[in-house]
Amino acid sequence: MANHQKDFLFVLIRSLSKSEKRQFKIFASRLETSSNTKFIELFNILDKSEAYDEKIILKNGIIKKVQLSNLKSYLYKQILVSIRLNIPSQNMRYQIREQIDFAAILYNKGLYRQSLKILDKTKLSALENDEKLMAYEIVEFEKLIESQYITRSIQGRADELVIQAKELNYQNTISSKLSNLSLQLYGIMLKTGYVKSDEEYKYIDNYFNKHIAKLDQSKFSFREKYWFYNANLWRNFLVQDFLGSYKFAYKWVTLFYQNPNMIYLNPVFFLKGNHYLLESLFMLKYKSKFKKYLVQLEETINDSKFPINDNIASLSFLYLYNNKLNFHILEGTFAESEYLIPEILQKLKLHSDHLDEHHEMMFFYKIASIYFGTEKYVESIFYLEKIINNKNLSMREDLMCFARLLSLIAHYELGNDYYLENHLKNTYKFLLKMNDLHEVQKEIIKFLKSLNSIYPSDIKKEFIKMRERFIELEKNTYEKRAFLYLDIISWLESKIKNQKISDIIKEKAKLSNR
């Protein structure tokens, strides 16, 4: 039996809406082929299945095993053709692509003037919507027609096309260089994580400046600006300059609001920019601006003009609810956020085919943090265990690390001394294997290990001592991010003052003017 998540055809069929399934069946009924009945039957079998199982398909007797691969490929292609034919007319990229195809048909029939007329009109549309790669493709097509046939076009047409080709090629080259830089910086983030020393900081800074040194920002249009802000954002995230991250995320989002048509043409880029803007504000603990931009994002997503498809729906859920939880964590309003948890768990199931495990585990960590903040330690541990027992989080060692540390503290709160001792050993072994163990993690482990040997009368003194130690660590640029995953200082203060951690965080939020 194959894993249904790895069978592309089954996953594609599962992603279809009711209307798309109906459209496909109407489309398929028009195809007069010998395999027509077989591929429709295969579609119906997979549509009714909960999981992909070849045994069930073969048991139906519609096809032999040796023919199954070809039939699946044929069905996959026909589903895509059906969807392509029913794409909403407001999708500008598909409109432009369709017009280029029409021009190619006319060209192949020798109707050169008609082909050029369509290309000229389509090129204007591509330029208006900043689709410069397709505009360049159109210019090259125009050059082909003009160079091969006498079309008696207006004088100077050749020079005009050459100039256009050069300009578009330059702009596309800049966009490509900036998108490459952005991707390379993101790759560094995944491979090595945030910078951990001045030496690493200098390496990233030199690497970044080397790639943007010769760029003329005054010549940037929308797409070049977008990729420039994107690359700058990743540079600032890597060196943990969250004020710089906020600055470029704000420019990124503002660029879209100043060009509203681009929001609807590039909704994924728009959503990502808003997410990074909110993430930067969360890192800076700037709650007033965080709330403002969170409300603004939700209003835009709920606007009837905002595009809707499976991918956008999943990303909208991911970024909106992730940041809704962040806002409550920022304000310490843990109890007030509990209503979100059932809704999030339901939506996680709904979008399971479109979200990776890392994002799912991040939700679990934040849910665990909410329960920890409301002193529901058993529930908190339940979700932390989902992360700790997950064997597929090699790219997110930091999440695994803080899940283990928060679990240790939750067990301490429950008085699970026996489990705590074993869990401490396992966590310490895990931390030793980590690629980027920070002083914060080391100090937390050392502190928790020492608690069992401290007399009850001295515990408060130890809490005060450790609080001072962590306050010093929080001032370190390369350590401060850890405190956003695990607010150990607020927890220590709650033990010192004998108050709830939620009340401590609420007090801090009120004292902050941001």
Protein backbone atom coordinates (compact mmCIF):
# COMPACT_ATOMS: atom_id res chain seq x y z
CA MET A 1 0.00 0.00 0.00
CA ALA A 2 1.36 3.42 -0.97
CA ASN A 3 1.27 6.37 1.34
CA HIS A 4 -1.68 8.47 0.09
CA GLN A 5 0.23 11.64 0.83
CA LYS A 6 2.90 10.53 -1.66
CA ASP A 7 0.53 9.52 -4.46
CA PHE A 8 0.17 12.70 -6.52
CA LEU A 9 -3.03 11.63 -8.30
CA PHE A 10 -4.86 10.81 -5.07
CA VAL A 11 -3.76 14.06 -3.42
CA LEU A 12 -4.89 16.02 -6.52
CA ILE A 13 -8.35 14.39 -6.46
CA ARG A 14 -8.67 15.07 -2.74
CA SER A 15 -7.93 18.75 -3.38
CA LEU A 16 -10.79 19.15 -5.89
CA SER A 17 -13.88 21.09 -4.87
CA LYS A 18 -17.39 19.73 -5.61
CA SER A 19 -17.75 22.08 -8.57
CA GLU A 20 -14.35 21.03 -9.95
CA LYS A 21 -15.33 17.35 -9.69
CA ARG A 22 -18.60 18.06 -11.47
CA GLN A 23 -16.80 20.03 -14.20
CA PHE A 24 -14.31 17.20 -14.66
CA LYS A 25 -17.04 14.60 -15.14
CA ILE A 26 -18.76 16.82 -17.74
CA PHE A 27 -15.41 17.36 -19.46
CA ALA A 28 -14.55 13.64 -19.35
CA SER A 29 -17.89 12.61 -20.83
CA ARG A 30 -16.98 14.54 -24.00
CA LEU A 31 -13.80 12.55 -24.58
CA GLU A 32 -14.44 9.71 -27.02
CA THR A 33 -11.55 7.38 -26.30
CA SER A 34 -11.30 3.66 -25.66
CA SER A 35 -10.02 4.31 -22.13
CA ASN A 36 -12.79 6.83 -21.34
CA THR A 37 -14.81 4.48 -19.11
CA LYS A 38 -11.71 3.16 -17.34
CA PHE A 39 -10.24 6.51 -16.29
CA ILE A 40 -13.65 7.79 -15.11
CA GLU A 41 -14.07 4.60 -13.07
CA LEU A 42 -10.59 5.09 -11.59
CA PHE A 43 -11.51 8.67 -10.73
CA ASN A 44 -14.70 7.52 -8.96
CA ILE A 45 -12.82 4.84 -6.98
CA LEU A 46 -10.16 7.28 -5.76
CA ASP A 47 -12.75 9.98 -5.06
CA LYS A 48 -14.60 7.63 -2.68
CA SER A 49 -11.45 6.30 -0.98
CA GLU A 50 -10.19 7.57 2.38
CA ALA A 51 -6.62 6.51 1.57
CA TYR A 52 -4.75 5.42 -1.55
CA ASP A 53 -4.73 1.62 -1.85
CA GLU A 54 -3.79 -0.11 -5.11
CA LYS A 55 -5.36 -3.38 -3.90
CA ILE A 56 -8.80 -1.75 -3.88
CA ILE A 57 -8.29 -0.40 -7.43
CA LEU A 58 -7.13 -3.76 -8.81
CA LYS A 59 -9.90 -5.61 -6.97
CA ASN A 60 -12.47 -3.65 -9.01
CA GLY A 61 -11.09 -5.29 -12.14
CA ILE A 62 -11.10 -2.14 -14.28
CA ILE A 63 -7.45 -2.56 -15.23
CA LYS A 64 -4.41 -4.80 -14.86
CA LYS A 65 -1.52 -3.78 -12.61
CA VAL A 66 0.88 -3.25 -15.53
CA GLN A 67 -1.57 -0.73 -17.08
CA LEU A 68 -2.32 1.18 -13.87
CA SER A 69 0.63 3.60 -14.06
CA ASN A 70 -0.30 4.77 -17.58
CA LEU A 71 -3.98 5.14 -16.71
CA LYS A 72 -3.12 7.19 -13.61
CA SER A 73 -0.87 9.48 -15.69
CA TYR A 74 -3.63 9.93 -18.28
CA LEU A 75 -6.23 10.70 -15.58
CA TYR A 76 -3.86 13.15 -13.88
CA LYS A 77 -3.35 15.04 -17.14
CA GLN A 78 -7.09 15.17 -17.94
CA ILE A 79 -7.91 16.56 -14.48
CA LEU A 80 -5.37 19.35 -15.00
CA VAL A 81 -6.78 20.11 -18.47
CA SER A 82 -10.29 20.27 -16.99
CA ILE A 83 -9.18 22.67 -14.24
CA ARG A 84 -7.26 24.77 -16.79
CA LEU A 85 -10.40 25.20 -18.91
CA ASN A 86 -12.39 26.41 -15.92
CA ILE A 87 -9.94 28.89 -14.39
CA PRO A 88 -11.72 32.14 -13.41
CA SER A 89 -11.46 34.80 -16.10
CA GLN A 90 -10.15 37.40 -13.62
CA ASN A 91 -6.79 35.57 -13.31
CA MET A 92 -4.57 37.92 -15.30
CA ARG A 93 -1.64 35.52 -15.73
CA TYR A 94 -3.84 32.90 -17.36
CA GLN A 95 -5.40 35.56 -19.59
CA ILE A 96 -1.98 36.69 -20.80
CA ARG A 97 -0.79 33.11 -21.32
CA GLU A 98 -3.98 32.29 -23.23
CA GLN A 99 -3.50 35.29 -25.55
CA ILE A 100 0.11 34.27 -26.26
CA ASP A 101 -1.18 30.78 -27.19
CA PHE A 102 -3.79 32.35 -29.49
CA ALA A 103 -1.06 34.45 -31.16
CA ALA A 104 1.01 31.28 -31.70
CA ILE A 105 -1.97 29.58 -33.37
CA LEU A 106 -2.45 32.53 -35.73
CA TYR A 107 1.31 32.64 -36.45
CA ASN A 108 1.35 28.95 -37.36
CA LYS A 109 -1.56 29.55 -39.74
CA GLY A 110 0.41 32.33 -41.44
CA LEU A 111 -1.87 35.12 -40.13
CA TYR A 112 1.03 37.34 -39.06
CA ARG A 113 -0.79 40.67 -38.79
CA GLN A 114 -3.48 39.15 -36.56
CA SER A 115 -0.82 37.49 -34.42
CA LEU A 116 1.11 40.77 -34.01
CA LYS A 117 -2.07 42.64 -33.10
CA ILE A 118 -2.85 40.20 -30.27
CA LEU A 119 0.79 40.25 -29.08
CA ASP A 120 0.94 44.06 -28.96
CA LYS A 121 -2.27 44.31 -26.93
CA THR A 122 -1.21 41.45 -24.61
CA LYS A 123 2.23 43.02 -24.07
CA LEU A 124 0.60 46.21 -22.72
CA SER A 125 -1.46 44.11 -20.32
CA ALA A 126 1.65 42.20 -19.17
CA LEU A 127 3.56 45.44 -18.53
CA GLU A 128 0.63 47.02 -16.67
CA ASN A 129 0.55 43.99 -14.35
CA ASP A 130 4.35 43.83 -13.95
CA GLU A 131 4.56 40.46 -15.69
CA LYS A 132 7.89 41.32 -17.29
CA LEU A 133 8.98 37.74 -17.99
CA MET A 134 5.91 37.20 -20.17
CA ALA A 135 6.34 40.68 -21.67
CA TYR A 136 9.91 39.72 -22.65
CA GLU A 137 8.61 36.47 -24.16
CA ILE A 138 6.09 38.49 -26.21
CA VAL A 139 8.78 40.90 -27.46
CA GLU A 140 10.95 37.97 -28.54
CA PHE A 141 7.94 36.50 -30.38
CA GLU A 142 7.33 39.87 -32.06
CA LYS A 143 11.00 40.01 -33.11
CA LEU A 144 10.69 36.54 -34.61
CA ILE A 145 7.71 37.55 -36.76
CA GLU A 146 9.20 40.91 -37.77
CA SER A 147 12.56 39.37 -38.70
CA GLN A 148 11.11 36.59 -40.86
CA TYR A 149 8.28 38.25 -42.69
CA ILE A 150 7.60 41.57 -44.44
CA THR A 151 4.72 42.93 -42.36
CA ARG A 152 5.04 46.60 -43.44
CA SER A 153 4.96 47.65 -39.80
CA ILE A 154 5.51 51.28 -38.79
CA GLN A 155 8.98 52.69 -39.41
CA GLY A 156 11.39 52.23 -36.52
CA ARG A 157 9.63 49.08 -35.30
CA ALA A 158 12.86 47.10 -35.19
CA ASP A 159 14.62 49.69 -33.00
CA GLU A 160 11.60 49.89 -30.71
CA LEU A 161 11.57 46.12 -30.15
CA VAL A 162 15.34 45.99 -29.54
CA ILE A 163 15.10 48.76 -26.91
CA GLN A 164 12.15 47.04 -25.23
CA ALA A 165 13.98 43.70 -25.20
CA LYS A 166 17.08 45.29 -23.61
CA GLU A 167 15.06 47.07 -20.90
CA LEU A 168 12.99 44.01 -20.05
CA ASN A 169 16.06 41.78 -20.04
CA TYR A 170 17.82 44.17 -17.62
CA GLN A 171 14.83 44.32 -15.26
CA ASN A 172 14.32 40.55 -15.35
CA THR A 173 18.04 40.02 -14.68
CA ILE A 174 17.89 42.29 -11.61
CA SER A 175 14.76 40.51 -10.33
CA SER A 176 16.46 37.16 -10.85
CA LYS A 177 19.62 38.24 -9.00
CA LEU A 178 17.61 39.58 -6.05
CA SER A 179 15.34 36.52 -5.89
CA ASN A 180 18.46 34.31 -5.99
CA LEU A 181 19.98 36.30 -3.12
CA SER A 182 16.75 36.02 -1.12
CA LEU A 183 16.62 32.26 -1.67
CA GLN A 184 20.30 31.82 -0.76
CA LEU A 185 19.83 33.76 2.49
CA TYR A 186 16.78 31.64 3.30
CA GLY A 187 18.87 28.54 2.60
CA ILE A 188 21.52 29.76 5.05
CA MET A 189 18.78 30.26 7.65
CA LEU A 190 17.59 26.65 7.21
CA LYS A 191 21.12 25.23 7.22
CA THR A 192 22.80 27.15 10.04
CA GLY A 193 20.04 29.20 11.71
CA TYR A 194 20.45 32.71 13.09
CA VAL A 195 23.98 34.11 13.49
CA LYS A 196 25.57 33.22 16.81
CA SER A 197 28.70 35.37 16.82
CA ASP A 198 30.22 38.60 15.50
CA GLU A 199 32.22 36.55 13.01
CA GLU A 200 29.04 35.02 11.50
CA TYR A 201 27.42 38.48 11.48
CA LYS A 202 30.30 39.91 9.42
CA TYR A 203 30.14 36.99 6.98
CA ILE A 204 26.40 37.52 6.29
CA ASP A 205 26.83 41.29 6.07
CA ASN A 206 29.70 41.03 3.57
CA TYR A 207 27.89 38.35 1.58
CA PHE A 208 24.76 40.52 1.32
CA ASN A 209 26.53 43.79 0.47
CA LYS A 210 28.63 42.07 -2.19
CA HIS A 211 25.47 40.97 -4.04
CA ILE A 212 23.65 44.32 -3.96
CA ALA A 213 26.64 46.66 -4.41
CA LYS A 214 26.14 47.42 -8.10
CA LEU A 215 22.34 47.69 -8.11
CA ASP A 216 20.67 50.99 -9.00
CA GLN A 217 17.56 51.21 -6.82
CA SER A 218 16.27 54.25 -8.72
CA LYS A 219 15.55 51.99 -11.70
CA PHE A 220 13.54 49.46 -9.69
CA SER A 221 9.89 48.87 -10.56
CA PHE A 222 7.42 46.84 -8.45
CA ARG A 223 8.98 43.40 -8.82
CA GLU A 224 12.57 44.53 -8.27
CA LYS A 225 11.49 46.47 -5.17
CA TYR A 226 9.65 43.43 -3.89
CA TRP A 227 12.68 41.16 -4.19
CA PHE A 228 14.99 43.86 -2.80
CA TYR A 229 12.83 44.18 0.34
CA ASN A 230 12.59 40.38 0.55
CA ALA A 231 16.38 39.93 0.45
CA ASN A 232 16.91 42.71 3.02
CA LEU A 233 14.33 41.11 5.30
CA TRP A 234 16.16 37.77 5.31
CA ARG A 235 19.50 39.49 5.89
CA ASN A 236 18.08 41.25 8.97
CA PHE A 237 16.37 38.12 10.27
CA LEU A 238 19.62 36.18 9.98
CA VAL A 239 21.60 38.75 12.01
CA GLN A 240 18.66 39.11 14.45
CA ASP A 241 18.16 42.78 13.66
CA PHE A 242 14.39 42.68 14.14
CA LEU A 243 14.01 46.45 13.84
CA GLY A 244 15.60 46.17 10.40
CA SER A 245 13.29 43.22 9.61
CA TYR A 246 10.30 45.35 10.57
CA LYS A 247 11.53 48.23 8.38
CA PHE A 248 11.74 46.11 5.22
CA ALA A 249 8.63 44.03 5.96
CA TYR A 250 6.74 47.33 6.34
CA LYS A 251 8.11 48.53 2.97
CA TRP A 252 7.13 45.18 1.45
CA VAL A 253 3.51 45.40 2.70
CA THR A 254 3.20 49.12 1.90
CA LEU A 255 4.36 48.40 -1.66
CA PHE A 256 1.35 46.12 -2.10
CA TYR A 257 -1.13 48.52 -0.54
CA GLN A 258 0.17 51.26 -2.85
CA ASN A 259 -0.39 48.89 -5.80
CA PRO A 260 -3.67 47.15 -4.82
CA ASN A 261 -3.97 45.28 -8.13
CA MET A 262 -0.76 43.46 -7.16
CA ILE A 263 -2.43 42.13 -3.98
CA TYR A 264 -4.89 40.22 -6.15
CA LEU A 265 -2.30 39.21 -8.73
CA ASN A 266 0.32 38.10 -6.15
CA PRO A 267 -1.70 37.11 -3.03
CA VAL A 268 0.95 34.68 -1.75
CA PHE A 269 3.67 37.36 -1.72
CA PHE A 270 1.22 39.73 -0.02
CA LEU A 271 0.36 37.19 2.71
CA LYS A 272 4.02 36.34 3.34
CA GLY A 273 4.96 40.01 3.64
CA ASN A 274 2.24 40.55 6.25
CA HIS A 275 3.36 37.48 8.17
CA TYR A 276 6.97 38.70 8.33
CA LEU A 277 5.78 42.17 9.34
CA LEU A 278 3.81 40.66 12.24
CA GLU A 279 6.65 38.29 13.15
CA SER A 280 9.07 41.24 13.33
CA LEU A 281 6.65 43.18 15.56
CA PHE A 282 6.26 40.09 17.77
CA MET A 283 10.04 39.88 18.13
CA LEU A 284 10.09 43.59 19.06
CA LYS A 285 7.08 43.14 21.41
CA TYR A 286 5.40 46.09 19.68
CA LYS A 287 1.81 45.12 20.53
CA SER A 288 -0.06 48.24 19.36
CA LYS A 289 1.28 48.08 15.80
CA PHE A 290 0.96 44.28 15.88
CA LYS A 291 -2.79 44.55 16.55
CA LYS A 292 -3.22 47.23 13.89
CA TYR A 293 -1.60 45.20 11.12
CA LEU A 294 -3.26 41.95 12.23
CA VAL A 295 -6.70 43.57 11.95
CA GLN A 296 -5.74 45.07 8.58
CA LEU A 297 -4.60 41.67 7.27
CA GLU A 298 -7.81 39.94 8.38
CA GLU A 299 -9.95 42.63 6.74
CA THR A 300 -8.05 42.25 3.45
CA ILE A 301 -8.35 38.45 3.49
CA ASN A 302 -12.10 38.71 4.15
CA ASP A 303 -12.57 41.21 1.32
CA SER A 304 -14.76 39.70 -1.43
CA LYS A 305 -12.16 40.76 -4.03
CA PHE A 306 -9.35 38.78 -2.37
CA PRO A 307 -8.49 35.66 -4.45
CA ILE A 308 -9.61 32.27 -3.20
CA ASN A 309 -8.02 28.90 -3.90
CA ASP A 310 -6.78 25.97 -1.80
CA ASN A 311 -3.23 27.30 -1.46
CA ILE A 312 -4.31 30.82 -0.51
CA ALA A 313 -6.91 29.49 1.95
CA SER A 314 -4.24 27.38 3.71
CA LEU A 315 -1.71 30.23 3.86
CA SER A 316 -4.38 32.66 5.09
CA PHE A 317 -5.25 30.26 7.91
CA LEU A 318 -1.59 29.64 8.75
CA TYR A 319 -0.55 33.29 8.96
CA LEU A 320 -3.76 34.68 10.47
CA TYR A 321 -4.19 32.17 13.29
CA ASN A 322 -0.48 31.90 14.00
CA ASN A 323 -0.41 35.62 14.63
CA LYS A 324 -3.68 35.63 16.57
CA LEU A 325 -2.01 33.26 19.05
CA ASN A 326 1.13 35.42 19.02
CA PHE A 327 -0.93 38.47 19.95
CA HIS A 328 -2.43 36.73 23.00
CA ILE A 329 1.01 35.42 24.03
CA LEU A 330 2.36 38.97 23.69
CA GLU A 331 -0.37 40.40 25.91
CA GLY A 332 -0.51 37.50 28.38
CA THR A 333 -4.22 36.99 27.63
CA PHE A 334 -3.91 33.21 27.62
CA ALA A 335 -7.37 32.41 28.97
CA GLU A 336 -8.97 34.76 26.45
CA SER A 337 -7.32 32.87 23.58
CA GLU A 338 -8.45 29.34 24.50
CA TYR A 339 -11.53 29.68 22.25
CA LEU A 340 -9.15 29.66 19.26
CA ILE A 341 -7.76 26.20 19.99
CA PRO A 342 -10.71 24.02 18.83
CA GLU A 343 -11.02 26.19 15.73
CA ILE A 344 -7.30 25.82 14.95
CA LEU A 345 -7.35 22.04 15.43
CA GLN A 346 -10.34 21.75 13.09
CA LYS A 347 -8.69 23.91 10.44
CA LEU A 348 -5.43 21.96 10.75
CA LYS A 349 -7.33 18.83 9.66
CA LEU A 350 -9.01 20.75 6.85
CA HIS A 351 -5.70 22.06 5.49
CA SER A 352 -3.58 19.00 6.33
CA ASP A 353 -2.71 18.31 2.67
CA HIS A 354 -1.29 21.82 2.21
CA LEU A 355 0.63 22.41 5.45
CA ASP A 356 3.91 20.74 6.38
CA GLU A 357 4.62 19.15 9.75
CA HIS A 358 6.84 22.01 10.86
CA HIS A 359 3.96 24.48 10.74
CA GLU A 360 1.64 22.00 12.44
CA MET A 361 4.16 21.48 15.25
CA MET A 362 4.56 25.25 15.63
CA PHE A 363 0.82 25.49 16.23
CA PHE A 364 1.10 22.74 18.84
CA TYR A 365 3.89 24.62 20.60
CA LYS A 366 1.84 27.79 20.77
CA ILE A 367 -1.23 25.87 21.97
CA ALA A 368 1.00 24.31 24.65
CA SER A 369 2.21 27.81 25.60
CA ILE A 370 -1.41 29.00 25.93
CA TYR A 371 -2.26 26.09 28.23
CA PHE A 372 0.92 26.67 30.24
CA GLY A 373 -0.11 30.30 30.67
CA THR A 374 -3.48 29.21 32.07
CA GLU A 375 -1.73 26.71 34.39
CA LYS A 376 -3.26 23.72 32.57
CA TYR A 377 0.01 21.84 32.64
CA VAL A 378 -1.36 18.39 31.69
CA GLU A 379 -2.89 19.82 28.50
CA SER A 380 0.32 21.73 27.81
CA ILE A 381 2.43 18.57 28.14
CA PHE A 382 0.01 16.69 25.84
CA TYR A 383 0.80 19.04 22.93
CA LEU A 384 4.50 19.29 23.77
CA GLU A 385 4.76 15.50 23.61
CA LYS A 386 3.44 15.63 20.03
CA ILE A 387 6.49 17.73 19.15
CA ILE A 388 9.01 15.80 21.27
CA ASN A 389 7.91 12.45 19.81
CA ASN A 390 7.97 13.70 16.22
CA LYS A 391 10.96 12.23 14.39
CA ASN A 392 10.69 14.46 11.31
CA LEU A 393 11.67 17.86 12.73
CA SER A 394 15.36 17.79 11.82
CA MET A 395 15.07 21.29 10.32
CA ARG A 396 13.58 22.77 13.48
CA GLU A 397 15.88 21.70 16.31
CA ASP A 398 15.10 24.96 18.11
CA LEU A 399 11.41 24.05 18.31
CA MET A 400 12.27 20.57 19.62
CA CYS A 401 14.61 22.12 22.16
CA PHE A 402 12.13 24.61 23.61
CA ALA A 403 9.33 22.04 23.60
CA ARG A 404 11.50 19.86 25.84
CA LEU A 405 12.41 22.75 28.12
CA LEU A 406 8.83 23.94 28.49
CA SER A 407 7.78 20.35 29.18
CA LEU A 408 10.41 20.15 31.95
CA ILE A 409 9.01 23.28 33.59
CA ALA A 410 5.43 21.98 33.26
CA HIS A 411 6.45 18.72 34.96
CA TYR A 412 8.16 20.72 37.69
CA GLU A 413 4.92 22.65 38.25
CA LEU A 414 3.00 19.37 38.51
CA GLY A 415 5.52 18.01 41.04
CA ASN A 416 6.45 15.05 38.84
CA ASP A 417 9.88 14.61 40.45
CA TYR A 418 10.56 11.10 39.14
CA TYR A 419 9.67 11.95 35.58
CA LEU A 420 11.52 15.24 35.84
CA GLU A 421 14.82 13.52 36.63
CA ASN A 422 14.58 11.16 33.63
CA HIS A 423 13.33 13.93 31.39
CA LEU A 424 16.26 16.14 32.42
CA LYS A 425 18.74 13.45 31.37
CA ASN A 426 17.05 12.92 27.99
CA THR A 427 16.78 16.65 27.36
CA TYR A 428 20.43 17.19 28.25
CA LYS A 429 21.47 14.43 25.82
CA PHE A 430 19.34 16.03 23.12
CA LEU A 431 20.83 19.48 23.73
CA LEU A 432 24.36 18.12 23.47
CA LYS A 433 23.53 16.83 19.97
CA MET A 434 22.08 20.17 18.87
CA ASN A 435 23.93 22.21 16.29
CA ASP A 436 23.26 25.61 17.90
CA LEU A 437 23.12 25.22 21.67
CA HIS A 438 22.86 28.67 23.30
CA GLU A 439 23.74 29.87 26.77
CA VAL A 440 20.03 30.24 27.58
CA GLN A 441 19.38 26.51 27.07
CA LYS A 442 22.47 25.58 29.09
CA GLU A 443 21.43 27.83 31.98
CA ILE A 444 17.86 26.51 32.05
CA ILE A 445 19.07 22.91 32.25
CA LYS A 446 21.63 23.77 34.93
CA PHE A 447 18.97 25.64 36.91
CA LEU A 448 16.36 22.86 36.72
CA LYS A 449 18.94 20.22 37.67
CA SER A 450 19.83 22.19 40.79
CA LEU A 451 16.24 22.64 42.04
CA ASN A 452 15.99 19.19 43.68
CA SER A 453 19.10 19.84 45.79
CA ILE A 454 17.99 23.25 47.09
CA TYR A 455 16.29 23.55 50.49
CA PRO A 456 12.69 24.84 50.22
CA SER A 457 13.63 27.92 52.24
CA ASP A 458 16.33 28.83 49.70
CA ILE A 459 14.30 28.30 46.49
CA LYS A 460 13.08 31.90 46.32
CA LYS A 461 16.66 33.17 46.60
CA GLU A 462 17.67 30.84 43.77
CA PHE A 463 14.80 32.10 41.63
CA ILE A 464 15.93 35.70 42.19
CA LYS A 465 19.53 34.80 41.39
CA MET A 466 18.54 33.03 38.15
CA ARG A 467 16.24 35.88 37.15
CA GLU A 468 19.20 38.28 37.27
CA ARG A 469 21.29 35.86 35.23
CA PHE A 470 18.62 35.58 32.52
CA ILE A 471 18.08 39.34 32.42
CA GLU A 472 21.77 39.71 31.55
CA LEU A 473 21.51 37.03 28.87
CA GLU A 474 18.45 38.74 27.34
CA LYS A 475 20.61 41.80 26.62
CA ASN A 476 22.86 39.66 24.40
CA THR A 477 21.89 40.10 20.72
CA TYR A 478 22.55 36.43 19.99
CA GLU A 479 20.57 35.12 22.98
CA LYS A 480 17.47 37.36 23.14
CA ARG A 481 15.44 35.41 20.56
CA ALA A 482 15.33 32.40 22.89
CA PHE A 483 13.22 34.37 25.36
CA LEU A 484 10.48 34.75 22.76
CA TYR A 485 10.12 30.97 22.56
CA LEU A 486 10.22 30.54 26.32
CA ASP A 487 9.60 33.47 28.66
CA ILE A 488 11.65 32.00 31.50
CA ILE A 489 12.06 35.44 33.13
CA SER A 490 8.29 35.95 33.52
CA TRP A 491 7.96 32.42 34.91
CA LEU A 492 10.69 33.10 37.49
CA GLU A 493 9.00 36.37 38.45
CA SER A 494 5.70 34.54 38.90
CA LYS A 495 7.42 32.17 41.38
CA ILE A 496 9.18 35.03 43.17
CA LYS A 497 6.01 37.13 43.52
CA ASN A 498 3.70 34.13 43.93
CA GLN A 499 1.54 35.35 41.03
CA LYS A 500 0.18 33.76 37.88
CA ILE A 501 2.51 34.02 34.89
CA SER A 502 -0.36 35.49 32.86
CA ASP A 503 -0.69 38.34 35.37
CA ILE A 504 3.07 39.01 35.21
CA ILE A 505 3.01 39.22 31.39
CA LYS A 506 -0.14 41.39 31.45
CA GLU A 507 1.56 43.82 33.85
CA LYS A 508 4.60 44.04 31.57
CA ALA A 509 2.36 44.60 28.54
CA LYS A 510 0.59 47.48 30.30
CA LEU A 511 3.87 49.10 31.32
CA SER A 512 5.11 48.99 27.73
CA ASN A 513 3.99 52.02 25.71
CA ARG A 514 4.55 50.30 22.39
